[in-house]
Each structure stands twice: as C-alpha cells, then as structure tokens.
Amino acid sequence: MFNNRYSILIALVYFFSTNLGHAQNSIFKLTGDIITIPISLIDAYPMIAGEVNGVKGKFFFDTGLITAIEINENVVPLDRDKMKAYRESRTGSNQIFKMSMNESINEVKLINGLKFENLKNIQSGNFQHIQNITSVDCLGYIGYDFFHGYIVKMDYLRRRLIFYKNSLEREKNKDFLADEIVVAVLDFDISNAQNHPVINARIGDLELQVSMDTGQFGCLQVTEEGKATLEKQNSLRQLSPKLVNVKDITLDNKFTTKLKGMYLITDDSFSHVKKHINIRTDNYMSIGHRLLDEFNTVWDFENKKLYLLER
C-alpha cells in the first residue's frame, strides 16, 4: 500500500436511490435529485465501474480532479483523427505528461445505469501510472465537475456514493442526514481550488492547514522544526522512515482524532501542491482514505461543511 513514494504522491493531487435508470445525456454531468452510484475500493481508491465506447473497466473517482471526466488512452482506443494536443498536466509527484482533447466520445456508461452519448471536448491521456496503483482496466478519472452542485455522501462501508442536489429546501431539511448519527460538523474554506476543502487544524500545539480529497491515503508535510515539535509532544509515532501514526489532531477546533499510516514528507516536494490549493501554513496535512475509512462523510461544498458520521 505504502510501498513507495511514487505511488502515494501520484494519487494525491492530479491538477492541470432515486436513480435515473437509463437516462441519457450529452454532457458528462449529474442530473436529477438524488443519485446513488456503487463503488469498489482498490487499496485507498474509490472506483466506479463503467464503459467507454464499449470498453468495460473502472473509473477512479477523485475529488482532487476538477475535470468531470478524463479518459485513459492506454485502455480505451480513441480516434487519433479526432484528437489534438491540448496541455501538459502534472501529478503531486511532479510527473509531467501530455493531455489531448478529443472532439467527441461516442458513449460513456456507469454501473448505476447512467448513460452519456456524443460527449464533446473530452480530455484524455496515458494514465499508466494510475493503472499501476489501481487497476489494469482503469478507464480514467471522474472528478469534481461531474457532481458540481451536489452534496456528496461517501459511504465506504456500504461501498456507495450518494449525491443530493443542492436546494434551499435541502439546506433546511438536511435529508442527507436522515437516520445518521453526526459525530462532528466541520467548517472549511475554499480558496484557489474549489474542489479542495481546506480546514484549519493543529496537532497538539503545531498549527497547520488540512486539505481533503479521495485520491490518496493521507500525508503529513512538515518542516524539520515542525517534526521536532511533534516528536517532543509525543504526537508522532514513526513506523518507518516515511510512515507515521499521528495523534492529537484537532480539526476546526471541534474534533480531535488520530490517523494511522500517514505518509511523512519533510522536504519541499509539495510546494506546488500547497501553492495550487493556497495553503498558507508552513506545515500541511492532506487527508484521504485514512479518515474516510473511519467515518462516513458528507461533503457540502456550497455551504462549506464536512459532516463526519458514525459508521
């Protein structure tokens, strides 16, 4: 799982029900009021089964990606005559690779029956690096713009995502919390990147900011001075040179927890990530699977609230 630095950093940040049955759309975006999508988990990574132009496989559901969908050219044969060079992209590990823009994608299907036809201007790339840490049949990514305008409930225990369309009525009745036991309600900010919630936090006396996305296990980036502070206050347990357990984590001055198996970084390799998200503290934590595996969560981007639910 944490066998090397490359895999965890690549997955960390990737930048630059009332089901709908067999509804068809020409834009890859959710419609409807409440939509449930089953997922599977491969290590830390939530995957959605589906098809692209008849090729079956799994999409990596990554809230850290702003784009609605990106196709893996390494798995899905695409028409080169309808493709043009578009941009360069890079991962959290600073790996740079080329992206293409496809004039059209004939058809995308998801496991819950959603069907999208004749999609225009869809990005693609060779995502072998993601296949290496997820599945050989990884079709690509599904990201934030797919569900923008929805509240997202992530239930890793029951292996499902539930999307609730934002509305004034829903803001009042909070039906997405029906029959749930709420452990904590955390306020977050959104700065440069609207798909990256940022929470003010501290570990003991060490102040830092925390971001969240589904595309990673979790990591702690601290200065050498910050690491020494955590060790002095006994908040850090070293499991290996690059793997730690962290305790005394307080989020939004409301909720204190501990996280196991966090990847430890003490250099500046995350400077571009922090700049992209607009992290303003020297020390930084990115939380993913390590928290999502402990609690069901509800992400309300419009009202900037994260609900932690008892499982």
Protein backbone atom coordinates (compact mmCIF):
# COMPACT_ATOMS: atom_id res chain seq x y z
CA MET A 1 0.00 0.00 0.00
CA PHE A 2 2.69 2.49 1.02
CA ASN A 3 5.41 0.56 -0.78
CA ASN A 4 6.92 3.61 -2.43
CA ARG A 5 6.79 7.38 -2.51
CA TYR A 6 5.91 7.46 -6.19
CA SER A 7 2.53 5.80 -5.93
CA ILE A 8 1.22 7.80 -2.99
CA LEU A 9 2.28 11.14 -4.42
CA ILE A 10 0.87 10.40 -7.86
CA ALA A 11 -2.53 9.66 -6.36
CA LEU A 12 -2.51 12.66 -4.04
CA VAL A 13 -3.40 15.57 -6.27
CA TYR A 14 -3.99 15.49 -10.03
CA PHE A 15 -4.31 19.00 -11.42
CA PHE A 16 -3.80 20.88 -14.57
CA SER A 17 -31.60 5.69 -4.53
CA THR A 18 -33.66 7.99 -6.65
CA ASN A 19 -31.66 6.62 -9.52
CA LEU A 20 -32.03 7.84 -13.07
CA GLY A 21 -32.35 4.40 -14.63
CA HIS A 22 -31.07 4.63 -18.20
CA ALA A 23 -31.24 8.39 -18.57
CA GLN A 24 -29.11 9.72 -21.44
CA ASN A 25 -27.19 12.99 -21.50
CA SER A 26 -24.83 14.69 -23.92
CA ILE A 27 -22.88 16.41 -21.13
CA PHE A 28 -20.98 14.36 -18.56
CA LYS A 29 -22.68 15.81 -15.50
CA LEU A 30 -25.16 14.57 -12.95
CA THR A 31 -28.82 15.47 -13.29
CA GLY A 32 -31.73 14.57 -11.04
CA ASP A 33 -32.35 14.99 -7.32
CA ILE A 34 -30.76 12.00 -5.55
CA ILE A 35 -28.41 9.62 -7.36
CA THR A 36 -26.65 6.58 -5.90
CA ILE A 37 -23.55 5.11 -7.52
CA PRO A 38 -21.97 1.88 -6.24
CA ILE A 39 -18.19 1.85 -5.84
CA SER A 40 -15.44 -0.65 -5.22
CA LEU A 41 -12.28 0.11 -3.27
CA ILE A 42 -8.82 -0.78 -4.51
CA ASP A 43 -6.49 -0.02 -1.61
CA ALA A 44 -7.49 3.58 -0.81
CA TYR A 45 -9.03 4.39 -4.14
CA PRO A 46 -12.81 4.55 -4.87
CA MET A 47 -13.59 3.09 -8.30
CA ILE A 48 -16.79 3.32 -10.36
CA ALA A 49 -17.46 0.54 -12.86
CA GLY A 50 -18.43 1.66 -16.33
CA GLU A 51 -17.74 1.65 -20.06
CA VAL A 52 -16.25 3.99 -22.65
CA ASN A 53 -17.17 3.26 -26.26
CA GLY A 54 -17.94 -0.33 -25.30
CA VAL A 55 -14.69 -0.88 -23.35
CA LYS A 56 -15.50 -2.03 -19.82
CA GLY A 57 -13.47 -1.10 -16.78
CA LYS A 58 -13.39 1.22 -13.77
CA PHE A 59 -13.14 4.97 -13.29
CA PHE A 60 -11.06 6.44 -10.48
CA PHE A 61 -13.38 8.79 -8.52
CA ASP A 62 -11.04 11.60 -7.49
CA THR A 63 -12.45 14.78 -5.93
CA GLY A 64 -8.97 16.25 -6.29
CA LEU A 65 -9.51 16.44 -10.05
CA ILE A 66 -11.54 19.45 -11.21
CA THR A 67 -12.46 17.99 -14.63
CA ALA A 68 -15.69 15.97 -14.94
CA ILE A 69 -14.07 13.10 -16.86
CA GLU A 70 -10.72 12.21 -18.39
CA ILE A 71 -10.17 9.07 -20.48
CA ASN A 72 -7.21 6.70 -20.25
CA GLU A 73 -5.77 6.30 -23.76
CA ASN A 74 -3.83 3.29 -22.54
CA VAL A 75 -7.07 1.32 -22.09
CA VAL A 76 -9.62 2.94 -24.42
CA PRO A 77 -8.82 3.09 -28.17
CA LEU A 78 -9.56 6.62 -29.36
CA ASP A 79 -9.77 8.09 -32.84
CA ARG A 80 -6.47 9.93 -33.39
CA ASP A 81 -8.01 11.90 -36.25
CA LYS A 82 -10.42 13.49 -33.76
CA MET A 83 -7.76 14.21 -31.14
CA LYS A 84 -5.41 17.16 -30.76
CA ALA A 85 -2.67 18.07 -28.32
CA TYR A 86 -4.14 20.15 -25.52
CA ARG A 87 -1.95 20.77 -22.48
CA GLU A 88 0.58 19.40 -20.06
CA SER A 89 -0.53 18.10 -16.69
CA ARG A 90 1.32 17.01 -13.62
CA THR A 91 0.74 14.96 -10.53
CA GLY A 92 1.58 15.61 -6.89
CA SER A 93 4.94 13.96 -7.51
CA ASN A 94 5.77 16.50 -10.23
CA GLN A 95 5.44 13.95 -13.02
CA ILE A 96 4.55 15.84 -16.20
CA PHE A 97 2.68 14.24 -19.08
CA LYS A 98 0.74 15.34 -22.13
CA MET A 99 -3.03 15.59 -22.36
CA SER A 100 -5.13 15.52 -25.53
CA MET A 101 -8.54 16.94 -26.38
CA ASN A 102 -10.99 14.63 -28.13
CA GLU A 103 -13.57 16.09 -30.47
CA SER A 104 -16.14 13.56 -29.26
CA ILE A 105 -16.61 10.38 -27.24
CA ASN A 106 -19.44 8.19 -28.52
CA GLU A 107 -20.69 6.75 -25.26
CA VAL A 108 -19.95 6.51 -21.54
CA LYS A 109 -21.95 4.25 -19.23
CA LEU A 110 -21.83 3.96 -15.44
CA ILE A 111 -22.74 0.97 -13.31
CA ASN A 112 -25.96 2.56 -11.99
CA GLY A 113 -27.45 2.88 -15.49
CA LEU A 114 -26.43 6.44 -16.29
CA LYS A 115 -25.60 6.80 -19.97
CA PHE A 116 -23.92 9.72 -21.73
CA GLU A 117 -23.74 9.94 -25.53
CA ASN A 118 -21.86 12.07 -28.03
CA LEU A 119 -19.77 13.86 -25.42
CA LYS A 120 -17.81 16.82 -26.81
CA ASN A 121 -14.33 18.10 -25.96
CA ILE A 122 -13.25 15.33 -23.61
CA GLN A 123 -9.68 15.22 -22.34
CA SER A 124 -7.54 12.08 -22.40
CA GLY A 125 -4.03 10.95 -21.58
CA ASN A 126 -1.89 7.90 -20.96
CA PHE A 127 -2.65 7.08 -17.33
CA GLN A 128 -0.43 4.05 -16.92
CA HIS A 129 0.75 5.50 -13.60
CA ILE A 130 -2.80 5.27 -12.23
CA GLN A 131 -3.27 1.76 -13.60
CA ASN A 132 -0.18 0.77 -11.63
CA ILE A 133 -1.79 1.69 -8.31
CA THR A 134 -5.45 0.91 -9.05
CA SER A 135 -6.48 -1.50 -11.79
CA VAL A 136 -5.23 -2.53 -15.22
CA ASP A 137 -8.69 -1.72 -16.60
CA CYS A 138 -8.78 1.84 -15.24
CA LEU A 139 -10.78 3.83 -17.80
CA GLY A 140 -9.66 7.20 -16.46
CA TYR A 141 -10.93 9.70 -13.92
CA ILE A 142 -14.26 11.09 -12.75
CA GLY A 143 -13.81 14.40 -10.95
CA TYR A 144 -15.47 17.38 -9.34
CA ASP A 145 -17.26 18.93 -12.31
CA PHE A 146 -19.28 15.71 -12.71
CA PHE A 147 -21.09 16.36 -9.42
CA HIS A 148 -20.67 20.13 -9.03
CA GLY A 149 -23.91 21.47 -7.49
CA TYR A 150 -24.45 18.35 -5.37
CA ILE A 151 -23.84 17.35 -1.78
CA VAL A 152 -21.86 14.09 -1.69
CA LYS A 153 -22.26 11.34 0.89
CA MET A 154 -19.35 8.91 0.84
CA ASP A 155 -20.12 5.56 2.41
CA TYR A 156 -17.09 3.32 2.11
CA LEU A 157 -18.64 0.74 4.45
CA ARG A 158 -21.55 0.07 2.07
CA ARG A 159 -19.44 0.87 -0.98
CA ARG A 160 -21.56 3.67 -2.40
CA LEU A 161 -21.69 7.37 -3.20
CA ILE A 162 -24.96 9.27 -2.82
CA PHE A 163 -25.38 12.65 -4.49
CA TYR A 164 -28.04 15.14 -3.31
CA LYS A 165 -28.80 18.15 -5.49
CA ASN A 166 -28.30 21.43 -3.65
CA SER A 167 -31.51 23.36 -2.93
CA LEU A 168 -32.83 25.78 -0.32
CA GLU A 169 -35.27 23.13 0.91
CA ARG A 170 -32.48 20.59 1.32
CA GLU A 171 -30.36 23.13 3.16
CA LYS A 172 -33.19 23.39 5.70
CA ASN A 173 -34.37 19.78 6.00
CA LYS A 174 -30.94 18.14 5.63
CA ASP A 175 -32.46 14.91 4.37
CA PHE A 176 -28.93 13.68 3.61
CA LEU A 177 -28.53 13.24 7.38
CA ALA A 178 -31.72 11.17 7.85
CA ASP A 179 -31.10 8.19 10.18
CA GLU A 180 -27.47 9.23 10.60
CA ILE A 181 -25.55 9.87 13.82
CA VAL A 182 -23.47 13.01 13.33
CA VAL A 183 -20.10 12.89 15.09
CA ALA A 184 -18.90 16.34 14.03
CA VAL A 185 -19.69 19.19 11.64
CA LEU A 186 -16.54 20.87 10.36
CA ASP A 187 -16.40 24.21 8.58
CA PHE A 188 -13.95 24.53 5.72
CA ASP A 189 -12.68 27.18 3.34
CA ILE A 190 -12.21 27.06 -0.40
CA SER A 191 -9.57 29.27 -1.94
CA ASN A 192 -7.76 28.73 -5.24
CA ALA A 193 -9.18 25.28 -5.93
CA GLN A 194 -12.94 24.94 -5.42
CA ASN A 195 -12.71 21.14 -5.21
CA HIS A 196 -10.24 21.14 -2.30
CA PRO A 197 -11.79 21.84 1.13
CA VAL A 198 -9.23 23.40 3.48
CA ILE A 199 -9.66 23.08 7.24
CA ASN A 200 -7.72 24.96 9.91
CA ALA A 201 -6.19 22.46 12.28
CA ARG A 202 -3.46 21.75 14.80
CA ILE A 203 -1.55 18.76 16.03
CA GLY A 204 -1.04 19.47 19.69
CA ASP A 205 0.48 22.95 19.60
CA LEU A 206 1.56 22.81 15.95
CA GLU A 207 -0.77 24.81 13.71
CA LEU A 208 -1.33 23.74 10.12
CA GLN A 209 -3.92 23.54 7.39
CA VAL A 210 -5.57 20.38 6.12
CA SER A 211 -6.99 19.63 2.69
CA MET A 212 -9.13 16.68 1.69
CA ASP A 213 -9.68 14.60 -1.43
CA THR A 214 -10.45 10.99 -2.30
CA GLY A 215 -7.36 10.39 -4.43
CA GLN A 216 -4.90 9.40 -1.71
CA PHE A 217 -4.27 7.69 1.63
CA GLY A 218 -3.10 10.75 3.55
CA CYS A 219 0.16 12.55 4.14
CA LEU A 220 1.81 14.94 6.57
CA GLN A 221 4.26 17.52 5.19
CA VAL A 222 6.22 19.24 7.98
CA THR A 223 9.39 21.23 8.31
CA GLU A 224 12.23 19.71 10.32
CA GLU A 225 11.33 22.12 13.09
CA GLY A 226 7.71 21.04 12.91
CA LYS A 227 8.70 17.38 13.04
CA ALA A 228 10.81 18.05 16.12
CA THR A 229 7.84 19.77 17.80
CA LEU A 230 5.58 16.80 17.11
CA GLU A 231 8.16 14.37 18.43
CA LYS A 232 8.71 16.45 21.56
CA GLN A 233 4.99 16.49 22.36
CA ASN A 234 4.71 12.77 21.55
CA SER A 235 2.19 13.30 18.74
CA LEU A 236 4.17 11.34 16.18
CA ARG A 237 4.97 7.64 16.12
CA GLN A 238 7.46 6.62 13.47
CA LEU A 239 6.54 3.32 11.79
CA SER A 240 9.21 3.54 9.11
CA PRO A 241 11.39 6.32 7.67
CA LYS A 242 8.42 7.63 5.68
CA LEU A 243 5.36 6.31 7.53
CA VAL A 244 3.90 7.64 10.78
CA ASN A 245 0.93 7.47 13.08
CA VAL A 246 -0.30 10.90 14.14
CA LYS A 247 -2.40 11.69 17.22
CA ASP A 248 -3.75 14.87 18.87
CA ILE A 249 -5.13 16.14 15.53
CA THR A 250 -7.76 18.82 16.13
CA LEU A 251 -9.83 19.88 13.11
CA ASP A 252 -11.66 23.23 13.08
CA ASN A 253 -11.21 23.47 16.89
CA LYS A 254 -14.11 21.00 17.18
CA PHE A 255 -12.98 17.45 16.63
CA THR A 256 -9.88 15.61 17.81
CA THR A 257 -8.73 12.38 16.25
CA LYS A 258 -5.71 10.29 15.34
CA LEU A 259 -4.72 8.88 11.97
CA LYS A 260 -2.64 5.83 11.22
CA GLY A 261 -0.26 5.21 8.36
CA MET A 262 0.26 8.78 7.20
CA TYR A 263 2.98 9.36 4.66
CA LEU A 264 5.66 11.70 6.06
CA ILE A 265 7.32 14.39 3.93
CA THR A 266 9.97 16.76 5.31
CA ASP A 267 11.21 18.40 2.10
CA ASP A 268 9.65 20.96 -0.27
CA SER A 269 8.35 18.44 -2.82
CA PHE A 270 4.79 19.56 -2.05
CA SER A 271 5.35 23.27 -2.65
CA HIS A 272 3.43 23.23 -5.96
CA VAL A 273 0.52 21.40 -4.32
CA LYS A 274 0.36 23.94 -1.49
CA LYS A 275 0.51 26.81 -3.96
CA HIS A 276 -2.30 25.34 -6.06
CA ILE A 277 -4.59 24.91 -3.07
CA ASN A 278 -3.35 28.14 -1.40
CA ILE A 279 -2.10 26.54 1.79
CA ARG A 280 -0.80 29.37 3.96
CA THR A 281 0.95 27.43 6.73
CA ASP A 282 4.47 26.01 6.66
CA ASN A 283 3.13 22.65 7.81
CA TYR A 284 0.38 20.86 5.93
CA MET A 285 -1.67 17.68 6.06
CA SER A 286 -3.68 16.07 3.28
CA ILE A 287 -6.37 13.69 4.47
CA GLY A 288 -7.90 10.99 2.33
CA HIS A 289 -8.57 7.32 2.90
CA ARG A 290 -7.26 7.30 6.49
CA LEU A 291 -10.26 9.40 7.58
CA LEU A 292 -12.76 8.12 5.02
CA ASP A 293 -12.13 4.59 6.27
CA GLU A 294 -13.04 5.64 9.82
CA PHE A 295 -16.20 7.65 9.15
CA ASN A 296 -18.90 8.04 6.56
CA THR A 297 -18.72 11.63 5.37
CA VAL A 298 -20.94 14.24 3.75
CA TRP A 299 -19.25 16.95 1.69
CA ASP A 300 -21.38 20.09 1.28
CA PHE A 301 -19.24 22.28 -0.97
CA GLU A 302 -21.87 25.01 -1.36
CA ASN A 303 -22.22 25.59 2.38
CA LYS A 304 -18.59 24.68 3.13
CA LYS A 305 -19.32 21.97 5.66
CA LEU A 306 -17.97 18.49 6.17
CA TYR A 307 -20.08 16.08 8.23
CA LEU A 308 -18.46 13.13 9.95
CA LEU A 309 -20.96 10.33 10.51
CA GLU A 310 -20.86 7.29 12.76
CA ARG A 311 -20.49 4.07 10.76
